[in-house]
Protein backbone atom coordinates (compact mmCIF):
# COMPACT_ATOMS: atom_id res chain seq x y z
CA UNK A 1 -36.17 0.50 -62.99
CA UNK A 2 -35.53 -2.86 -61.84
CA UNK A 3 -37.55 -3.74 -58.72
CA UNK A 4 -34.71 -5.56 -56.99
CA UNK A 5 -32.43 -2.51 -57.56
CA UNK A 6 -35.01 -0.12 -56.29
CA UNK A 7 -35.43 -2.25 -53.13
CA UNK A 8 -31.74 -2.45 -52.65
CA UNK A 9 -31.30 1.25 -52.98
CA UNK A 10 -34.03 1.91 -50.36
CA UNK A 11 -32.40 -0.51 -47.92
CA UNK A 12 -29.08 1.11 -48.39
CA UNK A 13 -30.49 4.53 -47.62
CA UNK A 14 -32.12 3.21 -44.59
CA UNK A 15 -28.89 1.54 -43.29
CA UNK A 16 -27.01 4.70 -43.96
CA UNK A 17 -29.59 6.81 -42.09
CA UNK A 18 -29.48 4.38 -39.16
CA UNK A 19 -25.60 4.33 -38.94
CA UNK A 20 -25.69 8.15 -39.26
CA UNK A 21 -28.21 8.36 -36.55
CA UNK A 22 -26.25 6.10 -34.17
CA UNK A 23 -23.26 8.15 -34.83
CA UNK A 24 -25.02 11.39 -34.03
CA UNK A 25 -26.48 9.74 -30.75
CA UNK A 26 -22.98 8.63 -29.68
CA UNK A 27 -21.47 12.10 -30.49
CA UNK A 28 -24.33 13.64 -28.45
CA UNK A 29 -23.43 11.39 -25.54
CA UNK A 30 -19.78 12.28 -25.70
CA UNK A 31 -20.44 15.95 -25.91
CA UNK A 32 -23.14 15.88 -23.19
CA UNK A 33 -20.63 14.02 -20.86
CA UNK A 34 -17.87 16.52 -21.74
CA UNK A 35 -19.96 19.66 -20.95
CA UNK A 36 -22.23 18.18 -18.20
CA UNK A 37 -19.47 16.61 -16.24
CA UNK A 38 -18.35 18.68 -13.34
CA UNK A 39 -14.75 19.88 -13.46
CA UNK A 40 -12.09 18.66 -11.13
CA UNK A 41 -11.38 21.10 -8.17
CA UNK A 42 -7.95 20.84 -6.56
CA UNK A 43 -8.17 21.94 -2.78
CA UNK A 44 -4.96 22.25 -0.93
CA UNK A 45 -5.26 20.13 2.35
CA UNK A 46 -1.48 19.80 3.40
CA UNK A 47 2.07 19.03 2.48
CA UNK A 48 4.13 15.92 2.58
CA UNK A 49 6.34 16.00 5.74
CA UNK A 50 7.72 12.33 5.42
CA UNK A 51 8.07 9.63 2.97
CA UNK A 52 8.92 6.22 4.62
CA UNK A 53 9.71 2.98 2.76
CA UNK A 54 9.75 -0.44 4.53
CA UNK A 55 11.79 -2.73 2.28
CA UNK A 56 11.50 -5.53 4.69
CA UNK A 57 7.86 -6.32 5.81
CA UNK A 58 7.77 -5.42 9.59
CA UNK A 59 11.42 -4.18 9.38
CA UNK A 60 12.84 -0.82 10.01
CA UNK A 61 11.57 2.17 8.01
CA UNK A 62 13.83 4.12 5.61
CA UNK A 63 13.05 7.83 5.54
CA UNK A 64 13.81 9.25 2.01
CA UNK A 65 13.55 12.79 0.65
CA UNK A 66 11.84 11.55 -2.60
CA UNK A 67 10.37 8.30 -3.99
CA UNK A 68 8.99 6.88 -7.09
CA UNK A 69 5.33 5.99 -6.55
CA UNK A 70 4.65 2.96 -8.82
CA UNK A 71 1.63 0.66 -8.90
CA UNK A 72 3.00 -1.56 -6.14
CA UNK A 73 3.76 1.37 -3.94
CA UNK A 74 6.81 3.53 -3.09
CA UNK A 75 10.36 2.80 -4.27
CA UNK A 76 13.65 4.52 -3.58
CA UNK A 77 16.42 3.50 -5.90
CA UNK A 78 16.70 -0.36 -5.37
CA UNK A 79 14.35 -0.36 -2.51
CA UNK A 80 10.63 -0.97 -3.10
CA UNK A 81 8.23 -0.91 -0.26
CA UNK A 82 7.64 -4.37 1.34
CA UNK A 83 9.23 -6.57 -1.30
CA UNK A 84 11.28 -8.72 1.15
CA UNK A 85 9.50 -10.88 3.88
CA UNK A 86 10.44 -13.26 6.55
CA UNK A 87 8.71 -16.57 6.57
CA UNK A 88 8.61 -19.73 8.49
CA UNK A 89 9.53 -23.12 7.06
CA UNK A 90 6.00 -23.71 5.91
CA UNK A 91 5.96 -20.50 3.81
CA UNK A 92 3.73 -18.45 6.21
CA UNK A 93 4.74 -14.81 6.80
CA UNK A 94 6.44 -13.89 10.10
CA UNK A 95 5.65 -10.32 11.09
CA UNK A 96 6.02 -8.03 14.04
CA UNK A 97 2.94 -9.41 15.47
CA UNK A 98 4.62 -12.78 16.27
CA UNK A 99 8.24 -11.55 16.18
CA UNK A 100 8.34 -7.88 17.43
CA UNK A 101 12.26 -7.61 17.27
CA UNK A 102 11.85 -7.63 13.47
CA UNK A 103 11.17 -3.83 13.66
CA UNK A 104 14.82 -3.31 14.49
CA UNK A 105 16.06 -5.04 11.39
CA UNK A 106 17.09 -2.77 8.58
CA UNK A 107 17.38 -3.93 4.98
CA UNK A 108 19.39 -1.70 2.47
CA UNK A 109 20.65 -2.11 -1.14
CA UNK A 110 23.93 -1.00 -2.45
CA UNK A 111 25.91 -2.08 -5.72
CA UNK A 112 23.58 -4.94 -6.22
CA UNK A 113 23.94 -6.20 -2.66
CA UNK A 114 21.43 -6.51 -0.05
CA UNK A 115 22.55 -5.74 3.54
CA UNK A 116 20.73 -7.01 6.78
CA UNK A 117 21.65 -5.32 9.93
CA UNK A 118 20.26 -5.54 13.51
CA UNK A 119 21.21 -5.09 17.15
CA UNK A 120 24.17 -7.07 18.26
CA UNK A 121 24.43 -8.73 14.88
CA UNK A 122 27.22 -8.52 12.15
CA UNK A 123 25.86 -7.18 8.98
CA UNK A 124 25.09 -9.74 6.29
CA UNK A 125 25.49 -9.10 2.66
CA UNK A 126 24.31 -11.16 -0.28
CA UNK A 127 23.41 -10.59 -3.98
CA UNK A 128 20.00 -8.92 -4.67
CA UNK A 129 19.50 -11.26 -7.67
CA UNK A 130 19.82 -14.92 -7.03
CA UNK A 131 18.39 -16.67 -10.08
CA UNK A 132 19.58 -20.12 -9.15
CA UNK A 133 17.73 -19.86 -5.71
CA UNK A 134 14.45 -21.69 -5.36
CA UNK A 135 11.01 -20.00 -5.66
CA UNK A 136 8.95 -20.62 -2.47
CA UNK A 137 5.12 -20.67 -2.37
CA UNK A 138 4.21 -18.24 0.49
CA UNK A 139 1.18 -17.25 2.36
CA UNK A 140 0.17 -13.57 3.43
CA UNK A 141 -3.04 -13.68 5.37
CA UNK A 142 -3.81 -17.09 3.80
CA UNK A 143 -3.47 -15.74 0.16
CA UNK A 144 -0.77 -17.40 -2.03
CA UNK A 145 2.22 -15.42 -3.32
CA UNK A 146 5.64 -16.38 -4.50
CA UNK A 147 9.03 -15.30 -3.25
CA UNK A 148 12.57 -16.05 -4.24
CA UNK A 149 14.63 -17.62 -1.41
CA UNK A 150 17.41 -15.36 -0.32
CA UNK A 151 19.71 -18.27 0.72
CA UNK A 152 20.75 -20.25 3.63
CA UNK A 153 23.06 -17.49 5.10
CA UNK A 154 20.22 -15.11 5.46
CA UNK A 155 18.01 -17.98 7.00
CA UNK A 156 20.69 -18.66 9.54
CA UNK A 157 21.19 -14.88 10.26
CA UNK A 158 17.33 -14.31 11.00
CA UNK A 159 17.04 -17.52 12.89
CA UNK A 160 19.89 -16.57 15.21
CA UNK A 161 18.76 -12.93 15.54
CA UNK A 162 15.21 -13.89 16.51
CA UNK A 163 16.42 -16.62 18.88
CA UNK A 164 13.40 -18.96 18.29
CA UNK A 165 13.63 -22.70 18.19
CA UNK A 166 11.98 -22.60 14.59
CA UNK A 167 13.82 -21.75 11.37
CA UNK A 168 13.10 -18.65 9.49
CA UNK A 169 13.87 -17.81 5.84
CA UNK A 170 14.03 -14.54 3.80
CA UNK A 171 12.23 -14.26 0.45
CA UNK A 172 12.13 -11.50 -2.19
CA UNK A 173 9.30 -10.61 -4.51
CA UNK A 174 10.62 -10.17 -8.05
CA UNK A 175 8.84 -8.32 -10.90
CA UNK A 176 7.89 -11.34 -12.91
CA UNK A 177 5.99 -12.95 -10.13
CA UNK A 178 2.31 -12.93 -9.70
CA UNK A 179 1.08 -10.40 -7.16
CA UNK A 180 -1.83 -10.61 -4.70
CA UNK A 181 -5.36 -9.31 -4.92
CA UNK A 182 -5.83 -8.59 -1.13
CA UNK A 183 -9.37 -7.43 -1.36
CA UNK A 184 -10.92 -9.51 -3.92
CA UNK A 185 -13.74 -10.80 -1.71
CA UNK A 186 -14.93 -7.25 -1.31
CA UNK A 187 -16.52 -6.48 -4.76
CA UNK A 188 -17.10 -2.71 -4.04
CA UNK A 189 -13.40 -2.09 -3.60
CA UNK A 190 -11.28 -1.29 -6.56
CA UNK A 191 -9.25 -4.25 -8.04
CA UNK A 192 -5.46 -3.74 -7.48
CA UNK A 193 -2.51 -5.82 -6.65
CA UNK A 194 0.26 -5.77 -3.98
CA UNK A 195 3.45 -7.70 -3.14
CA UNK A 196 3.78 -8.22 0.61
CA UNK A 197 1.86 -5.47 2.14
CA UNK A 198 -1.19 -6.45 4.34
CA UNK A 199 -3.87 -4.68 2.17
CA UNK A 200 -2.83 -1.56 0.12
CA UNK A 201 0.19 -0.31 -1.90
CA UNK A 202 0.21 3.12 -0.15
CA UNK A 203 -0.69 4.07 3.40
CA UNK A 204 -1.23 7.77 4.31
CA UNK A 205 -1.34 9.16 7.82
CA UNK A 206 -1.52 12.82 9.13
CA UNK A 207 0.91 14.26 11.78
CA UNK A 208 -2.10 15.80 13.62
CA UNK A 209 -3.98 12.40 13.90
CA UNK A 210 -0.84 10.95 15.67
CA UNK A 211 -0.77 14.05 17.83
CA UNK A 212 -4.48 13.60 18.69
CA UNK A 213 -3.71 10.05 19.81
CA UNK A 214 -0.59 10.83 21.79
CA UNK A 215 -2.75 13.53 23.72
CA UNK A 216 -4.83 10.69 25.03
CA UNK A 217 -1.88 8.50 26.11
CA UNK A 218 0.46 8.63 29.05
CA UNK A 219 3.48 8.35 26.59
CA UNK A 220 3.65 10.08 23.04
CA UNK A 221 3.79 7.83 19.98
CA UNK A 222 5.50 8.57 16.68
CA UNK A 223 4.31 8.17 13.25
CA UNK A 224 6.76 5.32 12.64
CA UNK A 225 4.92 3.12 15.03
CA UNK A 226 2.05 2.98 12.39
CA UNK A 227 4.33 2.32 9.37
CA UNK A 228 2.75 4.82 6.82
CA UNK A 229 4.49 5.53 3.54
CA UNK A 230 3.20 9.14 3.27
CA UNK A 231 2.87 11.50 6.20
CA UNK A 232 0.98 14.83 5.78
CA UNK A 233 1.18 17.86 7.83
CA UNK A 234 -0.97 21.03 7.85
CA UNK A 235 -4.35 19.40 8.10
CA UNK A 236 -6.69 18.68 11.06
CA UNK A 237 -6.67 15.33 12.81
CA UNK A 238 -8.34 12.53 10.80
CA UNK A 239 -9.03 15.01 7.99
CA UNK A 240 -7.36 12.44 5.71
CA UNK A 241 -10.31 10.00 6.29
CA UNK A 242 -12.41 12.22 3.83
CA UNK A 243 -9.92 12.40 0.94
CA UNK A 244 -11.39 10.04 -1.51
CA UNK A 245 -9.01 11.00 -4.24
CA UNK A 246 -5.80 13.12 -3.91
CA UNK A 247 -2.95 14.62 -6.11
CA UNK A 248 0.62 15.01 -4.93
CA UNK A 249 2.81 16.31 -7.80
CA UNK A 250 2.02 14.19 -10.75
CA UNK A 251 0.83 11.23 -8.61
CA UNK A 252 -2.88 10.52 -8.32
CA UNK A 253 -4.01 8.36 -5.37
CA UNK A 254 -7.45 6.78 -4.80
CA UNK A 255 -8.64 5.97 -1.28
CA UNK A 256 -9.55 2.17 -0.90
CA UNK A 257 -10.29 1.86 2.89
CA UNK A 258 -9.22 2.81 6.29
CA UNK A 259 -6.44 0.93 7.80
CA UNK A 260 -7.69 -1.40 10.49
CA UNK A 261 -5.17 -1.76 13.36
CA UNK A 262 -4.06 -4.55 15.30
CA UNK A 263 -1.56 -5.72 17.97
CA UNK A 264 1.34 -4.60 15.79
CA UNK A 265 0.59 -0.98 17.04
CA UNK A 266 1.71 -2.04 20.56
CA UNK A 267 5.37 -2.90 19.37
CA UNK A 268 7.61 0.08 20.07
CA UNK A 269 9.71 0.82 16.83
CA UNK A 270 12.67 1.96 19.08
CA UNK A 271 13.01 -0.98 21.39
CA UNK A 272 11.28 -3.81 19.56
CA UNK A 273 9.20 -4.55 22.84
CA UNK A 274 5.39 -5.52 22.56
CA UNK A 275 2.99 -4.59 25.26
CA UNK A 276 -0.24 -5.77 23.65
CA UNK A 277 -2.03 -2.99 25.27
CA UNK A 278 -1.47 0.72 24.16
CA UNK A 279 -2.10 2.48 21.87
CA UNK A 280 -4.35 -0.13 20.56
CA UNK A 281 -6.79 0.04 23.60
CA UNK A 282 -6.99 3.76 23.47
CA UNK A 283 -7.69 3.57 19.65
CA UNK A 284 -10.52 1.20 20.23
CA UNK A 285 -12.18 3.75 22.56
CA UNK A 286 -12.74 6.27 19.86
CA UNK A 287 -11.66 5.08 16.41
CA UNK A 288 -14.09 2.13 15.74
CA UNK A 289 -15.94 1.72 12.38
CA UNK A 290 -19.67 2.38 11.69
CA UNK A 291 -21.82 -0.71 12.45
CA UNK A 292 -22.39 -1.14 8.48
CA UNK A 293 -18.70 -1.72 8.12
CA UNK A 294 -18.25 -4.46 10.85
CA UNK A 295 -17.94 -7.09 8.21
CA UNK A 296 -14.89 -5.36 6.80
CA UNK A 297 -12.98 -4.05 9.85
CA UNK A 298 -14.53 -6.41 12.66
CA UNK A 299 -13.08 -5.25 15.91
CA UNK A 300 -10.14 -3.38 14.53
CA UNK A 301 -9.80 0.47 15.20
CA UNK A 302 -9.20 2.68 12.21
CA UNK A 303 -6.08 4.76 11.82
CA UNK A 304 -4.56 6.04 8.52
CA UNK A 305 -5.89 5.50 5.04
CA UNK A 306 -4.92 2.91 2.39
CA UNK A 307 -4.63 4.00 -1.29
CA UNK A 308 -4.27 2.52 -4.64
CA UNK A 309 -2.22 4.30 -7.21
CA UNK A 310 -4.23 5.81 -10.30
CA UNK A 311 -1.33 7.59 -11.74
CA UNK A 312 2.31 6.97 -11.18
CA UNK A 313 5.04 9.61 -10.65
CA UNK A 314 7.63 10.92 -8.20
CA UNK A 315 6.91 12.26 -4.74
CA UNK A 316 8.99 14.65 -2.79
CA UNK A 317 9.01 15.78 0.83
CA UNK A 318 7.38 19.34 0.87
CA UNK A 319 5.02 18.36 -1.95
CA UNK A 320 1.49 19.96 -1.69
CA UNK A 321 -1.31 17.57 -1.15
CA UNK A 322 -4.45 18.39 -2.95
CA UNK A 323 -7.88 16.76 -2.30
CA UNK A 324 -9.82 16.43 -5.68
CA UNK A 325 -13.51 17.19 -5.74
CA UNK A 326 -16.09 17.30 -8.48
């Protein structure tokens, strides 16, 4: 037999054995992972009592019986959560922190028209889509994001309503625009994107947590003051802090972080009056973060949980909330 042929045949057999061995090893890893991985356990922890959408950042909440839960948060019909925002002339966001009366402004959509409404103001309607309007480079907590200008009439309406010397404009985030990565400086947090929310696409809060806070105040507060998207009943106060992953219907949510609270909590959602004191001072007395988390939350008390969307779907009021454990 030819020496070269013999050598070639031997090399081929070795290569085949190596490939086969690698395949067996990979198969072993896959099977081992499959059978050693702990199965998911679904533990009922409560029910959805409210679904709230805030189409206008810092604007009035819209309570809905069902909502689509998409990557950018909740959406009901043509109303996605926090996809409209008020800005100053230099593109910086204007929120209830600076303009507390924004909480009384409602934004709705009907037949491809946006409607703005507020106390002592005539409703203003304009088209949802304004392709000829300019795109403005905006800033949300110093991070860049775009917005389609909603026109001069909307600008005049907001400027007149807020009664300030400066000019305000309204912008709309559109699907083709580049979203923000709000926590990209924290490498341990999951990577996700949002439109105009502060930090997370979905904020969840339990009724009992709000009741616990109210029991420490002279005057009760409502969940609307804290601007959650999903309100849960049937659990203990602050139990939601421990839900790292939850399932509601077909929707899967992953906890990102606690919601650090600011002076916006001192704006009454019914009057638009800001006190700059309660309930923020009381929250600071018993809801501060661990020392190891100071670099994240600084001096903000924690109330509610921010989630990212792992699996999209539809949420209904009355849905069971399951905590997932392994």
